[in-house]
Amino acid sequence: MDFPISKSSQYKGFFFRLDSGEETLSLFDAEGNFLKSATLDEIGSILLESKKGTKRKHLRTSMAVKIKYQSLSGPWKESITGTLGTGGLFIETPVPLDKGSEIALELLLPDSPPQTVKTKGRVVWTRSQFEKVLHFPGMGVEFNNLSVSEKDSIERLIKTINRSRGIE
């Protein structure tokens, strides 16, 4: 089902397409060219992220940040994050480590000046293949020894990014 955009000056003439079978909402430009898609789960999370009483206990945002990681017995690898939160992050990788793996992390926060956070974490879930359009393979990692100052730096960054996206 298509929904034309007529009131927004920036997106006038564009339209949304709701696919109830796939539970996705896609944005198309005025010529009908596909621009981007999101699952209804993702849209719901964005809409409810700033609402008190949400199920999430840690602040988070979608963002790509350069990261290095290693299992306790393996070589260092480089990737990017898909999400970053005060409780952990998602690392995009075609070969995620096993659930339960303890890992070392080096996260470069794009701050002024840039700050490198060195910490440890544990893989709490994995996705081994692409799911739908926006879900990359990778692993969800929970921080297990983040210092208070590192957590504060991550929280400030997330709040700044979310505020710029209209998520308070």
Protein backbone atom coordinates (compact mmCIF):
# COMPACT_ATOMS: atom_id res chain seq x y z
CA MET A 1 0.00 0.00 0.00
CA ASP A 2 1.46 3.39 -1.01
CA PHE A 3 1.20 6.58 1.04
CA PRO A 4 2.03 9.82 -0.83
CA ILE A 5 3.84 12.59 1.03
CA SER A 6 2.16 15.92 0.33
CA LYS A 7 2.72 18.21 3.34
CA SER A 8 6.45 17.86 3.98
CA SER A 9 8.32 20.47 1.93
CA GLN A 10 11.51 18.38 1.91
CA TYR A 11 9.80 15.17 0.75
CA LYS A 12 6.78 16.45 -1.19
CA GLY A 13 6.02 14.04 -4.05
CA PHE A 14 7.86 11.16 -2.39
CA PHE A 15 5.89 8.20 -1.05
CA PHE A 16 6.05 5.41 1.50
CA ARG A 17 5.22 1.83 0.62
CA LEU A 18 4.03 -0.46 3.39
CA ASP A 19 4.61 -4.16 2.76
CA SER A 20 2.48 -5.93 5.37
CA GLY A 21 3.80 -9.37 4.42
CA GLU A 22 7.45 -8.41 4.98
CA GLU A 23 6.54 -5.82 7.65
CA THR A 24 8.68 -3.14 6.02
CA LEU A 25 8.19 0.53 5.24
CA SER A 26 10.10 1.79 2.19
CA LEU A 27 10.70 5.32 0.96
CA PHE A 28 10.59 6.17 -2.77
CA ASP A 29 11.40 9.48 -4.47
CA ALA A 30 8.97 11.38 -6.72
CA GLU A 31 10.14 9.36 -9.77
CA GLY A 32 9.44 6.07 -7.99
CA ASN A 33 13.07 5.21 -7.27
CA PHE A 34 13.63 3.15 -4.11
CA LEU A 35 15.63 5.06 -1.47
CA LYS A 36 15.60 3.12 1.80
CA SER A 37 13.64 0.56 3.77
CA ALA A 38 13.17 -0.26 7.46
CA THR A 39 11.40 -3.05 9.29
CA LEU A 40 8.40 -2.21 11.43
CA ASP A 41 10.37 -3.52 14.44
CA GLU A 42 13.10 -0.95 13.73
CA ILE A 43 10.59 1.86 13.25
CA GLY A 44 8.82 0.93 16.48
CA SER A 45 12.14 0.91 18.35
CA ILE A 46 13.01 4.36 17.03
CA LEU A 47 9.61 5.77 17.95
CA LEU A 48 9.68 4.28 21.44
CA GLU A 49 13.39 4.73 22.19
CA SER A 50 12.92 8.01 24.01
CA LYS A 51 9.71 6.94 25.78
CA LYS A 52 10.01 6.21 29.49
CA GLY A 53 9.21 2.66 30.45
CA THR A 54 10.77 1.21 27.29
CA LYS A 55 12.11 -2.33 27.61
CA ARG A 56 15.68 -1.22 26.85
CA LYS A 57 17.69 -0.49 29.95
CA HIS A 58 20.61 1.14 28.10
CA LEU A 59 20.68 4.16 25.83
CA ARG A 60 21.65 3.31 22.23
CA THR A 61 21.74 4.59 18.66
CA SER A 62 22.42 3.30 15.17
CA MET A 63 25.85 4.40 14.02
CA ALA A 64 28.96 3.19 12.28
CA VAL A 65 32.09 3.51 14.39
CA LYS A 66 35.45 1.91 13.62
CA ILE A 67 36.19 -0.99 15.96
CA LYS A 68 38.95 -3.53 16.54
CA TYR A 69 38.17 -6.75 18.38
CA GLN A 70 39.77 -10.08 19.20
CA SER A 71 38.75 -13.26 20.89
CA LEU A 72 41.01 -14.02 23.80
CA SER A 73 42.89 -16.56 21.66
CA GLY A 74 42.67 -15.00 18.19
CA PRO A 75 44.11 -12.18 16.08
CA TRP A 76 42.81 -8.61 16.08
CA LYS A 77 40.12 -7.93 13.47
CA GLU A 78 38.67 -4.62 12.25
CA SER A 79 35.06 -3.78 11.47
CA ILE A 80 32.36 -1.20 12.18
CA THR A 81 29.47 -1.05 14.59
CA GLY A 82 25.84 -1.12 13.49
CA THR A 83 24.56 0.14 16.83
CA LEU A 84 26.29 1.56 19.87
CA GLY A 85 24.88 1.70 23.37
CA THR A 86 26.02 2.27 26.92
CA GLY A 87 25.52 -1.45 27.58
CA GLY A 88 27.14 -2.82 24.43
CA LEU A 89 27.24 -2.73 20.65
CA PHE A 90 26.62 -4.64 17.45
CA ILE A 91 29.67 -5.48 15.32
CA GLU A 92 29.05 -6.06 11.62
CA THR A 93 31.02 -9.09 10.47
CA PRO A 94 30.36 -11.95 8.06
CA VAL A 95 31.97 -14.36 10.55
CA PRO A 96 30.68 -13.66 14.06
CA LEU A 97 32.34 -15.28 17.04
CA ASP A 98 30.44 -17.88 19.04
CA LYS A 99 27.83 -16.79 21.55
CA GLY A 100 29.47 -16.57 24.97
CA SER A 101 32.91 -15.67 23.55
CA GLU A 102 34.88 -13.20 25.68
CA ILE A 103 36.50 -10.50 23.55
CA ALA A 104 38.76 -7.46 23.82
CA LEU A 105 37.51 -4.28 22.13
CA GLU A 106 39.08 -1.04 20.90
CA LEU A 107 36.42 1.46 19.89
CA LEU A 108 37.29 4.81 18.27
CA LEU A 109 34.68 7.38 19.33
CA PRO A 110 34.36 10.23 16.80
CA ASP A 111 34.56 12.95 19.41
CA SER A 112 36.55 16.14 19.65
CA PRO A 113 39.28 15.03 20.17
CA PRO A 114 38.71 11.41 19.09
CA GLN A 115 38.76 8.98 22.03
CA THR A 116 39.73 5.31 21.97
CA VAL A 117 37.81 3.13 24.42
CA LYS A 118 39.60 -0.11 25.32
CA THR A 119 37.38 -2.59 27.11
CA LYS A 120 36.21 -6.18 27.22
CA GLY A 121 32.90 -7.74 26.35
CA ARG A 122 30.97 -10.93 25.79
CA VAL A 123 29.11 -12.02 22.65
CA VAL A 124 25.46 -12.36 23.70
CA TRP A 125 23.85 -13.04 20.30
CA THR A 126 24.85 -13.55 16.67
CA ARG A 127 23.38 -13.20 13.18
CA SER A 128 25.24 -15.32 10.62
CA GLN A 129 23.56 -14.00 7.45
CA PHE A 130 21.75 -10.98 6.06
CA GLU A 131 18.15 -10.60 7.20
CA LYS A 132 15.83 -8.55 5.02
CA VAL A 133 17.35 -5.31 3.73
CA LEU A 134 18.96 -3.67 6.75
CA HIS A 135 20.16 -6.44 9.04
CA PHE A 136 23.83 -7.22 8.49
CA PRO A 137 25.47 -10.37 9.81
CA GLY A 138 27.42 -9.85 13.00
CA MET A 139 27.29 -10.12 16.75
CA GLY A 140 25.77 -8.33 19.70
CA VAL A 141 28.38 -7.67 22.38
CA GLU A 142 27.70 -6.72 25.98
CA PHE A 143 30.35 -4.58 27.71
CA ASN A 144 31.64 -6.13 30.91
CA ASN A 145 34.18 -3.66 32.31
CA LEU A 146 33.45 -0.20 30.88
CA SER A 147 34.76 2.58 33.13
CA VAL A 148 32.40 5.31 34.33
CA SER A 149 34.19 7.94 32.22
CA GLU A 150 34.03 5.73 29.09
CA LYS A 151 30.33 5.06 29.67
CA ASP A 152 29.76 8.82 30.12
CA SER A 153 31.61 9.54 26.84
CA ILE A 154 29.51 6.98 24.96
CA GLU A 155 26.31 8.32 26.53
CA ARG A 156 27.14 11.95 25.55
CA LEU A 157 27.84 10.85 21.97
CA ILE A 158 24.60 8.84 21.74
CA LYS A 159 22.52 11.69 23.19
CA THR A 160 24.06 14.17 20.73
CA ILE A 161 23.37 11.89 17.75
CA ASN A 162 19.85 11.02 18.87
CA ARG A 163 19.06 14.70 19.50
CA SER A 164 20.23 15.57 15.96
CA ARG A 165 17.85 12.87 14.67
CA GLY A 166 14.95 14.26 16.70
CA ILE A 167 15.04 11.44 19.26
CA GLU A 168 15.12 12.86 22.77
